[in-house]
Amino acid sequence: MISTARYWFFIALIVLVYIIGMFVDLFENDSAQFAVMAMRMVQENDFLSLFKGPEEYLDKPHMHYWLAALSYKIFGIHDWAYRIPGILSTLLGAYSCYGLGKLLYNKDVGRFASLIFMTAQTMVLANIDVRTDAVLTGFTIFSIWQLVAFIEKNSLRNIALGAFGAGMAFSTKGQIALVVIGISVFCHLAYTRKWYRLLNWKLLVALLVFGLTIAPMLYAYYHQFDLHPEKVIRGKDHRSGIFFIFWEQSFERMSGEGVGKNSSDFFFFFHTFLWVFLPWTVLALIGYWNQLKTLWQVKFAYKPNLEFLTLGGISILFFVISFAQFKLPHYMNILMPLYAILSAAFLYTLFQLEKTKMTKVILGIQYFILGLVVVFVLLVCFYVFPLEHWYGYVILMVALALAGYFVWKKEGLAAKIVTVGIFASVLLNGFMNAHFYPKLLEYQGGSTMAEKVREQNIPVDKIYKISERHTWALDFYDQDPVDIVSVSDLKDKKDVWVYADDRELELLQKSGVVWNDQITVDQFRITRLQIKFLNPNTRGDKLNHMHLVHLD
């Protein structure tokens, strides 16, 4: 359907977008927070304990932080080094989508699945605003692929790799990994009726591999929490880290206990899906309905050219996570590989059955999405954050010309859907990573202030703050977490700097604290964009400030 040369050209374009995003400043809160947590492991040479500022961190297992710390050890403490494990995990996820798509269908479906997965909007975001989900998603779909391969081929290698992938995913974010892997594999077993695979001595090998893989994470939890019952975590003592990760974690997320409640809307993930899977949303929705209708027509009888893994996995998991009282858009990332394979299979069906009318409708929607992307890019480059250098305009013109060439080039309708979708994603995210985010991050006070600290050679060990307000970006780029000091103790310190927001600066003034130098930068919560901020004419009204003042 698409040539091998075209396929690898698309892969190269997507990877280029990822690489450009590697060098953008870290976003507050989560990315910068997690980067600081891994940085502290390296600096303090303590790889068994996790701390979120002054607090001991129980919420998530250690694997993501260990991988980031390993990257720091190899490359140094840099924002791009922090992003490397996430990008590599996403590439593993893309290869696994290819492998599972090929196993369930054929090579063409596998190729489409890998491209769709890598260009889904939430996956591109996951590789610039890096949290635990990139590593979780990559190892989860890798595990599903290998375990399904074991069911089909009875290979010891496949089940051992599947168990390893499950262990890595579990060690990254806990029970959700096993739920997704278990339900997906269960759906495949139920549809293929190959239950006899469960009566196999090789499952003992899988349990051994899984146990060995999660053992370091369990020991770290045991060392930090189980050995110290006197520690009070979230108002409770005698907290067992091992019991938490095996039992309490997911129930806390579902109920909102401990982490809090942010949404009781059952349909949160339904309307969130409309944007997180762009530019493939419509393809996925129609593909889901088509797969459901086809399986219903055959009364879910096993057919060699059909599968229930993606449809069943998506349906059950979507229903379950919708009951959670704490929801965030990136919680859907772990389902993106299943959506990618489902969408790719439907696209291949359109090509095989030559459903010209439906294909033209979907292609028209893809053109519409690409058109919106072009309008957005032009709006950003000429109004929101105008380009400042001539080469920016040259790159913009080349990108638009390249997209136009492939869009107008004559080829099959199904292949054109893929081409238009990929260029919509690459054009949007390429300019977001290269231009929009760097300009946006000029309004993130912590990273901007860290640049001022470097320019003026301010000793980072003499910077303090007077509240528990998190300062992740400043902590990371100074490579020294800011210490907290009370206002009363601050009066006894000489030749120090205080990092404060507008309210805290006013408190210092009222407390009689005097300073002889002040650095002020703009501050905006960049992960919560507003129209008035994006409008240059009203942007100033939405800005706050961060200050660094010197006490003589």
Protein backbone atom coordinates (compact mmCIF):
# COMPACT_ATOMS: atom_id res chain seq x y z
CA MET A 1 0.00 0.00 0.00
CA ILE A 2 2.91 2.33 0.71
CA SER A 3 6.42 1.59 -0.46
CA THR A 4 9.21 0.62 1.90
CA ALA A 5 11.07 3.81 1.00
CA ARG A 6 8.01 5.94 1.81
CA TYR A 7 7.49 4.08 5.09
CA TRP A 8 11.03 4.74 6.30
CA PHE A 9 10.86 8.34 5.08
CA PHE A 10 7.79 8.82 7.31
CA ILE A 11 9.55 7.14 10.23
CA ALA A 12 12.54 9.47 9.77
CA LEU A 13 10.28 12.55 9.74
CA ILE A 14 8.52 11.48 12.92
CA VAL A 15 11.78 10.68 14.72
CA LEU A 16 13.10 14.10 13.63
CA VAL A 17 10.10 15.71 15.34
CA TYR A 18 10.90 13.73 18.50
CA ILE A 19 14.56 14.75 18.37
CA ILE A 20 13.69 18.44 17.99
CA GLY A 21 11.49 18.16 21.07
CA MET A 22 14.35 16.66 23.10
CA PHE A 23 16.06 20.02 23.46
CA VAL A 24 13.08 22.04 24.67
CA ASP A 25 13.06 23.08 28.34
CA LEU A 26 11.20 20.77 30.72
CA PHE A 27 7.58 21.57 31.52
CA GLU A 28 6.32 22.16 35.01
CA ASN A 29 4.94 20.38 36.89
CA ASP A 30 5.32 16.65 36.22
CA SER A 31 8.18 16.52 33.70
CA ALA A 32 10.42 18.84 35.67
CA GLN A 33 9.38 17.19 38.94
CA PHE A 34 10.24 13.68 37.75
CA ALA A 35 13.51 14.92 36.24
CA VAL A 36 14.47 16.42 39.61
CA MET A 37 13.56 13.20 41.44
CA ALA A 38 15.86 11.22 39.14
CA MET A 39 18.54 13.90 39.44
CA ARG A 40 18.52 13.57 43.22
CA MET A 41 19.11 9.81 42.89
CA VAL A 42 22.31 10.53 41.00
CA GLN A 43 23.48 13.45 43.11
CA GLU A 44 22.81 11.74 46.44
CA ASN A 45 23.88 8.30 45.19
CA ASP A 46 20.67 6.85 46.61
CA PHE A 47 18.79 4.76 44.07
CA LEU A 48 16.45 3.09 46.56
CA SER A 49 14.59 6.16 47.81
CA LEU A 50 12.24 8.50 46.00
CA PHE A 51 11.55 12.02 47.23
CA LYS A 52 9.16 14.66 45.94
CA GLY A 53 10.77 17.74 47.43
CA PRO A 54 10.99 17.16 51.17
CA GLU A 55 8.32 14.44 51.09
CA GLU A 56 8.90 10.71 50.64
CA TYR A 57 7.25 9.54 47.42
CA LEU A 58 5.02 6.48 47.48
CA ASP A 59 2.75 7.04 44.47
CA LYS A 60 4.70 5.43 41.62
CA PRO A 61 7.37 2.72 41.33
CA HIS A 62 10.98 3.40 40.51
CA MET A 63 11.66 2.22 36.95
CA HIS A 64 11.05 5.52 35.14
CA TYR A 65 13.37 7.33 37.55
CA TRP A 66 16.01 4.62 37.35
CA LEU A 67 16.05 4.82 33.55
CA ALA A 68 16.33 8.62 33.68
CA ALA A 69 19.11 8.34 36.29
CA LEU A 70 20.94 5.86 34.08
CA SER A 71 20.69 8.31 31.19
CA TYR A 72 22.09 11.05 33.45
CA LYS A 73 24.97 8.77 34.40
CA ILE A 74 25.81 8.18 30.74
CA PHE A 75 25.16 11.62 29.23
CA GLY A 76 25.11 14.02 32.18
CA ILE A 77 22.21 15.85 33.79
CA HIS A 78 20.45 17.48 30.83
CA ASP A 79 16.81 17.85 29.81
CA TRP A 80 17.48 15.94 26.60
CA ALA A 81 19.08 13.11 28.56
CA TYR A 82 15.97 12.87 30.72
CA ARG A 83 13.84 12.39 27.59
CA ILE A 84 15.94 9.62 26.03
CA PRO A 85 14.36 6.64 27.89
CA GLY A 86 10.87 7.85 26.99
CA ILE A 87 11.71 8.22 23.30
CA LEU A 88 13.39 4.80 23.19
CA SER A 89 10.36 3.28 24.91
CA THR A 90 8.06 4.90 22.34
CA LEU A 91 10.17 3.44 19.53
CA LEU A 92 9.87 0.05 21.27
CA GLY A 93 6.13 0.62 21.39
CA ALA A 94 6.03 1.45 17.67
CA TYR A 95 8.02 -1.69 16.82
CA SER A 96 5.67 -3.72 19.02
CA CYS A 97 2.64 -2.23 17.24
CA TYR A 98 4.24 -3.34 13.99
CA GLY A 99 4.91 -6.81 15.39
CA LEU A 100 1.46 -7.32 16.89
CA GLY A 101 -0.30 -5.85 13.86
CA LYS A 102 1.66 -8.18 11.59
CA LEU A 103 0.91 -11.15 13.86
CA LEU A 104 -2.83 -10.47 14.05
CA TYR A 105 -3.23 -9.33 10.43
CA ASN A 106 -0.31 -8.75 8.06
CA LYS A 107 2.77 -6.64 7.40
CA ASP A 108 0.85 -3.70 5.92
CA VAL A 109 -1.35 -3.42 9.01
CA GLY A 110 1.76 -3.57 11.17
CA ARG A 111 3.37 -0.71 9.26
CA PHE A 112 0.25 1.44 9.44
CA ALA A 113 -0.11 0.70 13.16
CA SER A 114 3.43 1.84 13.94
CA LEU A 115 2.96 5.09 11.99
CA ILE A 116 -0.43 5.82 13.56
CA PHE A 117 0.91 5.12 17.05
CA MET A 118 3.93 7.41 16.67
CA THR A 119 1.91 10.31 15.25
CA ALA A 120 -1.08 10.19 17.63
CA GLN A 121 -1.07 13.59 19.33
CA THR A 122 -0.84 12.27 22.87
CA MET A 123 2.19 10.11 22.03
CA VAL A 124 4.06 13.04 20.49
CA LEU A 125 3.27 15.08 23.60
CA ALA A 126 4.42 12.18 25.80
CA ASN A 127 7.90 12.53 24.33
CA ILE A 128 8.29 16.21 25.08
CA ASP A 129 6.26 16.46 28.30
CA VAL A 130 7.81 13.22 29.55
CA ARG A 131 6.12 11.46 32.45
CA THR A 132 5.99 7.77 33.32
CA ASP A 133 3.52 6.98 30.53
CA ALA A 134 5.98 6.73 27.62
CA VAL A 135 7.95 3.95 29.34
CA LEU A 136 4.72 2.33 30.59
CA THR A 137 3.11 2.30 27.14
CA GLY A 138 6.16 0.97 25.31
CA PHE A 139 6.73 -1.98 27.63
CA THR A 140 3.01 -2.74 27.97
CA ILE A 141 2.41 -3.21 24.24
CA PHE A 142 5.73 -5.06 23.96
CA SER A 143 4.51 -7.50 26.62
CA ILE A 144 1.12 -7.96 24.92
CA TRP A 145 2.81 -8.65 21.58
CA GLN A 146 5.18 -11.23 23.00
CA LEU A 147 2.50 -13.00 25.07
CA VAL A 148 0.18 -13.20 22.06
CA ALA A 149 3.10 -14.54 20.04
CA PHE A 150 3.53 -17.23 22.71
CA ILE A 151 -0.16 -18.15 22.45
CA GLU A 152 0.20 -18.51 18.68
CA LYS A 153 3.66 -20.12 18.52
CA ASN A 154 4.27 -21.71 21.96
CA SER A 155 7.76 -20.19 22.07
CA LEU A 156 9.67 -20.04 25.37
CA ARG A 157 11.47 -16.94 24.12
CA ASN A 158 8.19 -15.11 23.53
CA ILE A 159 6.71 -15.83 26.95
CA ALA A 160 9.97 -14.92 28.69
CA LEU A 161 10.14 -11.59 26.83
CA GLY A 162 6.45 -11.00 27.53
CA ALA A 163 7.02 -11.54 31.25
CA PHE A 164 10.02 -9.20 31.18
CA GLY A 165 7.96 -6.50 29.46
CA ALA A 166 5.17 -6.94 32.00
CA GLY A 167 7.69 -6.64 34.84
CA MET A 168 9.18 -3.44 33.39
CA ALA A 169 5.71 -1.93 32.88
CA PHE A 170 4.60 -2.90 36.41
CA SER A 171 7.82 -1.43 37.82
CA THR A 172 7.03 1.83 36.02
CA LYS A 173 3.45 2.58 37.08
CA GLY A 174 2.07 -0.38 38.97
CA GLN A 175 -1.11 -2.40 38.60
CA ILE A 176 -2.55 -0.60 35.57
CA ALA A 177 0.11 -2.28 33.42
CA LEU A 178 -0.96 -5.77 34.50
CA VAL A 179 -4.64 -4.90 34.08
CA VAL A 180 -4.11 -3.75 30.48
CA ILE A 181 -1.85 -6.68 29.61
CA GLY A 182 -4.10 -9.21 31.35
CA ILE A 183 -7.36 -8.03 29.79
CA SER A 184 -5.87 -7.78 26.30
CA VAL A 185 -4.36 -11.27 26.46
CA PHE A 186 -7.57 -12.64 28.03
CA CYS A 187 -9.61 -11.22 25.12
CA HIS A 188 -7.28 -12.95 22.65
CA LEU A 189 -7.49 -16.25 24.52
CA ALA A 190 -11.28 -16.01 24.75
CA TYR A 191 -11.68 -15.38 21.03
CA THR A 192 -9.16 -17.95 19.79
CA ARG A 193 -10.24 -20.55 22.41
CA LYS A 194 -6.61 -21.46 23.06
CA TRP A 195 -7.04 -21.90 26.80
CA TYR A 196 -4.79 -24.93 26.72
CA ARG A 197 -1.82 -22.55 26.56
CA LEU A 198 -2.42 -21.85 30.24
CA LEU A 199 -1.60 -25.49 31.04
CA ASN A 200 2.03 -25.17 30.09
CA TRP A 201 5.20 -25.45 32.15
CA LYS A 202 6.55 -22.39 30.36
CA LEU A 203 4.23 -20.25 32.47
CA LEU A 204 6.46 -21.09 35.45
CA VAL A 205 9.39 -19.60 33.55
CA ALA A 206 7.30 -16.50 32.88
CA LEU A 207 6.50 -16.14 36.59
CA LEU A 208 10.19 -16.49 37.43
CA VAL A 209 11.21 -13.86 34.86
CA PHE A 210 8.46 -11.50 36.03
CA GLY A 211 9.48 -11.96 39.66
CA LEU A 212 13.15 -11.28 38.92
CA THR A 213 12.25 -8.19 36.88
CA ILE A 214 10.14 -6.57 39.60
CA ALA A 215 12.45 -7.65 42.47
CA PRO A 216 14.61 -4.47 42.42
CA MET A 217 11.52 -2.26 42.59
CA LEU A 218 10.01 -4.31 45.42
CA TYR A 219 13.28 -4.18 47.36
CA ALA A 220 13.44 -0.41 46.94
CA TYR A 221 9.89 -0.06 48.28
CA TYR A 222 10.72 -2.42 51.15
CA HIS A 223 13.90 -0.52 51.99
CA GLN A 224 12.24 2.92 51.99
CA PHE A 225 8.92 2.10 53.64
CA ASP A 226 8.49 -1.43 55.06
CA LEU A 227 11.70 -1.20 57.08
CA HIS A 228 10.50 2.10 58.57
CA PRO A 229 6.96 1.70 59.93
CA GLU A 230 7.41 4.92 61.90
CA LYS A 231 7.29 7.02 58.72
CA VAL A 232 4.07 8.95 58.23
CA ILE A 233 2.93 9.02 54.59
CA ARG A 234 -0.25 10.95 53.78
CA GLY A 235 -1.19 11.02 57.43
CA LYS A 236 -0.65 7.29 58.00
CA ASP A 237 2.18 5.37 59.59
CA HIS A 238 3.07 1.70 59.07
CA ARG A 239 2.81 2.10 55.30
CA SER A 240 4.03 -0.96 53.42
CA GLY A 241 5.44 -0.08 50.00
CA ILE A 242 5.01 -3.66 48.79
CA PHE A 243 1.37 -3.83 49.93
CA PHE A 244 0.76 -0.42 48.36
CA ILE A 245 2.02 -1.36 44.91
CA PHE A 246 0.28 -4.73 44.85
CA TRP A 247 -3.05 -3.61 46.29
CA GLU A 248 -3.63 -0.02 47.41
CA GLN A 249 -2.35 2.01 44.46
CA SER A 250 -5.07 1.44 41.86
CA PHE A 251 -7.85 1.56 44.41
CA GLU A 252 -6.63 4.97 45.52
CA ARG A 253 -6.70 6.17 41.92
CA MET A 254 -10.19 4.74 41.37
CA SER A 255 -11.62 6.21 44.57
CA GLY A 256 -9.56 9.39 44.64
CA GLU A 257 -8.39 8.61 48.17
CA GLY A 258 -4.90 9.89 48.82
CA VAL A 259 -4.42 11.55 45.43
CA GLY A 260 -7.68 13.49 45.53
CA LYS A 261 -10.60 13.73 43.11
CA ASN A 262 -10.45 15.87 39.99
CA SER A 263 -13.27 14.46 37.85
CA SER A 264 -16.32 12.32 38.49
CA ASP A 265 -17.37 12.75 34.84
CA PHE A 266 -17.87 9.23 33.48
CA PHE A 267 -17.48 10.54 29.91
CA PHE A 268 -14.18 12.36 30.55
CA PHE A 269 -12.11 9.90 28.51
CA PHE A 270 -14.71 9.78 25.74
CA HIS A 271 -14.41 13.47 24.89
CA THR A 272 -10.69 13.46 25.71
CA PHE A 273 -10.15 10.76 23.09
CA LEU A 274 -11.42 13.13 20.41
CA TRP A 275 -8.17 15.13 20.59
CA VAL A 276 -5.57 12.76 22.06
CA PHE A 277 -5.74 10.43 19.03
CA LEU A 278 -5.71 13.17 16.38
CA PRO A 279 -5.28 13.07 13.43
CA TRP A 280 -6.66 9.51 13.48
CA THR A 281 -9.73 9.95 15.69
CA VAL A 282 -12.39 9.50 13.01
CA LEU A 283 -10.56 6.51 11.53
CA ALA A 284 -10.47 4.90 14.98
CA LEU A 285 -14.14 5.56 15.75
CA ILE A 286 -15.36 4.17 12.43
CA GLY A 287 -12.89 1.28 12.71
CA TYR A 288 -14.18 0.45 16.19
CA TRP A 289 -17.79 0.38 14.98
CA ASN A 290 -16.87 -1.65 11.89
CA GLN A 291 -14.99 -4.24 13.98
CA LEU A 292 -17.86 -4.51 16.46
CA LYS A 293 -20.40 -4.90 13.67
CA THR A 294 -18.31 -7.57 11.90
CA LEU A 295 -17.82 -9.64 15.05
CA TRP A 296 -21.51 -9.31 15.89
CA GLN A 297 -22.49 -10.55 12.45
CA VAL A 298 -20.38 -13.72 12.89
CA LYS A 299 -21.66 -14.04 16.50
CA PHE A 300 -18.07 -13.72 17.77
CA ALA A 301 -17.17 -17.04 16.14
CA TYR A 302 -13.44 -17.43 15.56
CA LYS A 303 -12.34 -16.43 12.06
CA PRO A 304 -8.64 -16.44 11.05
CA ASN A 305 -8.88 -12.94 9.55
CA LEU A 306 -10.48 -11.39 12.64
CA GLU A 307 -9.31 -10.63 16.18
CA PHE A 308 -10.94 -9.53 19.41
CA LEU A 309 -7.83 -8.36 21.28
CA THR A 310 -8.03 -4.69 20.32
CA LEU A 311 -11.82 -4.29 20.40
CA GLY A 312 -12.22 -6.22 23.65
CA GLY A 313 -9.23 -4.62 25.33
CA ILE A 314 -10.33 -1.10 24.42
CA SER A 315 -13.98 -1.66 25.41
CA ILE A 316 -13.32 -3.24 28.80
CA LEU A 317 -10.46 -0.96 29.78
CA PHE A 318 -12.22 2.21 28.64
CA PHE A 319 -15.23 1.26 30.73
CA VAL A 320 -13.13 0.47 33.82
CA ILE A 321 -10.97 3.61 33.83
CA SER A 322 -14.03 5.82 33.29
CA PHE A 323 -15.09 5.04 36.88
CA ALA A 324 -11.86 6.51 38.28
CA GLN A 325 -12.35 9.66 40.37
CA PHE A 326 -8.91 10.99 39.41
CA LYS A 327 -8.49 11.41 35.65
CA LEU A 328 -5.91 13.04 33.40
CA PRO A 329 -5.70 12.91 29.58
CA HIS A 330 -2.37 11.06 29.50
CA TYR A 331 -3.93 8.14 31.40
CA MET A 332 -5.24 7.06 27.98
CA ASN A 333 -1.75 6.68 26.51
CA ILE A 334 -1.53 3.03 27.48
CA LEU A 335 -4.49 2.30 25.15
CA MET A 336 -3.01 4.08 22.13
CA PRO A 337 -1.27 0.97 20.72
CA LEU A 338 -4.56 -0.93 20.70
CA TYR A 339 -6.30 1.96 18.95
CA ALA A 340 -3.43 2.18 16.46
CA ILE A 341 -3.71 -1.49 15.49
CA LEU A 342 -7.53 -1.32 15.31
CA SER A 343 -7.35 1.77 13.08
CA ALA A 344 -4.66 0.26 10.87
CA ALA A 345 -6.71 -2.91 10.38
CA PHE A 346 -9.73 -0.86 9.34
CA LEU A 347 -7.64 1.20 6.93
CA TYR A 348 -6.36 -1.99 5.34
CA THR A 349 -9.96 -3.21 5.03
CA LEU A 350 -10.89 -0.05 3.16
CA PHE A 351 -8.07 -0.75 0.73
CA GLN A 352 -8.97 -4.42 0.28
CA LEU A 353 -12.70 -3.96 -0.16
CA GLU A 354 -12.34 -0.79 -2.21
CA LYS A 355 -14.99 1.07 -0.21
CA THR A 356 -14.50 4.21 -2.26
CA LYS A 357 -17.35 6.25 -0.79
CA MET A 358 -16.34 5.76 2.87
CA THR A 359 -12.66 6.18 2.01
CA LYS A 360 -13.34 9.52 0.33
CA VAL A 361 -15.31 10.72 3.36
CA ILE A 362 -12.45 9.82 5.72
CA LEU A 363 -9.90 11.38 3.36
CA GLY A 364 -11.99 14.55 3.28
CA ILE A 365 -11.90 14.68 7.07
CA GLN A 366 -8.12 14.19 6.99
CA TYR A 367 -7.82 17.10 4.54
CA PHE A 368 -9.92 19.20 6.90
CA ILE A 369 -7.65 18.35 9.85
CA LEU A 370 -4.56 19.18 7.78
CA GLY A 371 -6.16 22.47 6.79
CA LEU A 372 -6.77 23.35 10.45
CA VAL A 373 -3.15 22.49 11.21
CA VAL A 374 -1.90 24.80 8.43
CA VAL A 375 -4.10 27.63 9.70
CA PHE A 376 -2.89 27.07 13.29
CA VAL A 377 0.78 26.98 12.27
CA LEU A 378 0.44 30.17 10.24
CA LEU A 379 -1.44 31.84 13.09
CA VAL A 380 1.32 30.93 15.55
CA CYS A 381 4.18 31.89 13.24
CA PHE A 382 2.71 35.25 12.20
CA TYR A 383 0.63 36.36 15.19
CA VAL A 384 0.86 34.42 18.47
CA PHE A 385 4.67 34.08 18.49
CA PRO A 386 5.93 35.67 15.26
CA LEU A 387 9.01 34.15 13.64
CA GLU A 388 12.10 36.24 14.26
CA HIS A 389 14.64 34.92 11.74
CA TRP A 390 14.63 34.53 7.97
CA TYR A 391 15.49 30.82 8.17
CA GLY A 392 12.30 30.23 10.16
CA TYR A 393 10.26 31.42 7.16
CA VAL A 394 12.37 29.27 4.82
CA ILE A 395 11.74 26.15 6.93
CA LEU A 396 8.03 26.98 7.08
CA MET A 397 7.79 27.31 3.31
CA VAL A 398 9.75 24.09 2.72
CA ALA A 399 7.52 22.20 5.17
CA LEU A 400 4.33 23.48 3.55
CA ALA A 401 5.69 22.72 0.07
CA LEU A 402 6.67 19.16 1.08
CA ALA A 403 3.25 18.57 2.59
CA GLY A 404 1.60 20.00 -0.50
CA TYR A 405 3.64 17.75 -2.80
CA PHE A 406 2.64 14.53 -1.04
CA VAL A 407 -0.97 15.67 -0.62
CA TRP A 408 -1.40 16.43 -4.34
CA LYS A 409 0.58 13.42 -5.51
CA LYS A 410 -1.72 10.84 -7.10
CA GLU A 411 -1.95 7.53 -5.23
CA GLY A 412 -4.50 5.15 -3.71
CA LEU A 413 -7.10 6.68 -1.41
CA ALA A 414 -6.17 4.54 1.60
CA ALA A 415 -2.48 5.39 1.23
CA LYS A 416 -3.43 9.05 0.85
CA ILE A 417 -5.27 8.92 4.21
CA VAL A 418 -2.03 7.82 5.86
CA THR A 419 0.06 10.44 4.05
CA VAL A 420 -2.25 13.35 4.88
CA GLY A 421 -2.57 12.25 8.53
CA ILE A 422 1.18 11.91 9.00
CA PHE A 423 1.92 15.31 7.47
CA ALA A 424 -0.76 16.89 9.66
CA SER A 425 0.95 15.47 12.75
CA VAL A 426 4.52 16.19 11.59
CA LEU A 427 3.72 19.75 10.49
CA LEU A 428 1.88 20.58 13.71
CA ASN A 429 4.29 18.99 16.15
CA GLY A 430 7.42 19.91 14.24
CA PHE A 431 6.58 23.60 14.58
CA MET A 432 5.28 23.16 18.11
CA ASN A 433 8.60 21.60 19.16
CA ALA A 434 10.82 23.91 17.12
CA HIS A 435 9.03 27.22 17.65
CA PHE A 436 5.86 27.28 19.78
CA TYR A 437 7.16 25.52 22.90
CA PRO A 438 10.50 27.38 23.05
CA LYS A 439 8.64 30.70 22.85
CA LEU A 440 6.01 29.54 25.33
CA LEU A 441 8.65 28.44 27.81
CA GLU A 442 10.02 31.97 27.95
CA TYR A 443 7.05 32.54 30.26
CA GLN A 444 7.91 29.66 32.60
CA GLY A 445 9.51 31.53 35.47
CA GLY A 446 11.66 28.72 36.88
CA SER A 447 13.59 27.82 33.74
CA THR A 448 13.90 31.48 32.71
CA MET A 449 15.22 32.42 36.16
CA ALA A 450 17.74 29.56 36.04
CA GLU A 451 19.14 31.11 32.86
CA LYS A 452 19.52 34.44 34.69
CA VAL A 453 21.27 32.65 37.55
CA ARG A 454 23.79 31.16 35.12
CA GLU A 455 24.35 34.47 33.33
CA GLN A 456 25.09 36.31 36.57
CA ASN A 457 27.05 33.47 38.20
CA ILE A 458 24.79 33.44 41.27
CA PRO A 459 25.79 30.62 43.68
CA VAL A 460 22.92 28.12 43.52
CA ASP A 461 23.56 26.94 47.08
CA LYS A 462 22.71 30.43 48.34
CA ILE A 463 19.20 30.50 46.83
CA TYR A 464 16.27 29.95 49.22
CA LYS A 465 12.48 30.03 49.16
CA ILE A 466 10.09 30.85 52.01
CA SER A 467 7.27 28.38 51.25
CA GLU A 468 6.76 24.78 50.16
CA ARG A 469 5.71 25.96 46.70
CA HIS A 470 7.40 23.63 44.22
CA THR A 471 10.19 25.08 42.07
CA TRP A 472 10.96 22.11 39.84
CA ALA A 473 12.30 23.92 36.76
CA LEU A 474 14.64 26.11 38.81
CA ASP A 475 15.72 23.06 40.83
CA PHE A 476 16.58 21.10 37.69
CA TYR A 477 18.36 23.76 35.68
CA ASP A 478 20.32 24.95 38.73
CA GLN A 479 20.97 21.25 39.48
CA ASP A 480 20.38 22.10 43.12
CA PRO A 481 16.93 21.87 44.77
CA VAL A 482 16.06 25.16 46.46
CA ASP A 483 16.10 24.95 50.27
CA ILE A 484 13.18 26.24 52.34
CA VAL A 485 13.77 28.82 55.05
CA SER A 486 11.34 30.67 57.32
CA VAL A 487 11.08 34.45 57.09
CA SER A 488 12.31 34.80 60.68
CA ASP A 489 15.41 32.69 60.00
CA LEU A 490 15.99 34.56 56.77
CA LYS A 491 16.68 37.77 58.67
CA ASP A 492 19.80 36.18 60.17
CA LYS A 493 21.26 35.20 56.79
CA LYS A 494 23.66 37.38 54.83
CA ASP A 495 24.60 37.42 51.15
CA VAL A 496 21.77 35.08 50.12
CA TRP A 497 19.11 35.14 47.41
CA VAL A 498 15.38 34.49 47.86
CA TYR A 499 13.19 33.11 45.08
CA ALA A 500 9.63 34.38 45.49
CA ASP A 501 6.39 34.97 43.62
CA ASP A 502 4.41 38.22 43.78
CA ARG A 503 2.59 37.34 46.99
CA GLU A 504 5.73 36.12 48.76
CA LEU A 505 7.65 39.24 47.74
CA GLU A 506 4.93 41.36 49.32
CA LEU A 507 5.19 39.21 52.49
CA LEU A 508 8.95 39.84 52.61
CA GLN A 509 8.37 43.58 52.37
CA LYS A 510 5.80 43.55 55.17
CA SER A 511 8.19 41.49 57.32
CA GLY A 512 10.88 44.14 57.04
CA VAL A 513 13.25 42.14 54.87
CA VAL A 514 15.47 44.45 52.80
CA TRP A 515 17.23 43.55 49.56
CA ASN A 516 19.68 45.41 47.37
CA ASP A 517 19.24 43.61 44.06
CA GLN A 518 16.26 42.10 42.26
CA ILE A 519 15.76 39.99 39.15
CA THR A 520 12.20 39.64 37.83
CA VAL A 521 10.89 37.32 35.09
CA ASP A 522 7.45 36.63 33.67
CA GLN A 523 5.50 33.64 34.95
CA PHE A 524 2.55 31.76 33.44
CA ARG A 525 1.27 28.22 34.02
CA ILE A 526 2.16 27.11 30.49
CA THR A 527 0.38 23.74 30.68
CA ARG A 528 -2.93 25.58 31.14
CA LEU A 529 -3.13 27.78 28.09
CA GLN A 530 -5.76 30.49 27.74
CA ILE A 531 -6.94 32.44 24.71
CA LYS A 532 -6.09 35.75 26.40
CA PHE A 533 -2.53 34.56 26.96
CA LEU A 534 -2.12 33.43 23.34
CA ASN A 535 -3.39 36.82 22.16
CA PRO A 536 -0.36 39.17 22.23
CA ASN A 537 -2.64 42.14 22.90
CA THR A 538 -4.01 40.68 26.16
CA ARG A 539 -1.09 38.47 27.19
CA GLY A 540 0.28 40.91 29.70
CA ASP A 541 -2.97 40.81 31.69
CA LYS A 542 -2.53 37.07 32.33
CA LEU A 543 1.11 37.18 33.45
CA ASN A 544 2.42 36.90 36.98
CA HIS A 545 6.06 37.31 37.97
CA MET A 546 8.82 35.44 39.76
CA HIS A 547 11.51 37.32 41.62
CA LEU A 548 15.03 36.63 42.84
CA VAL A 549 16.15 39.15 45.44
CA HIS A 550 19.55 39.52 47.07
CA LEU A 551 19.85 40.10 50.81
CA ASP A 552 23.09 41.92 51.60
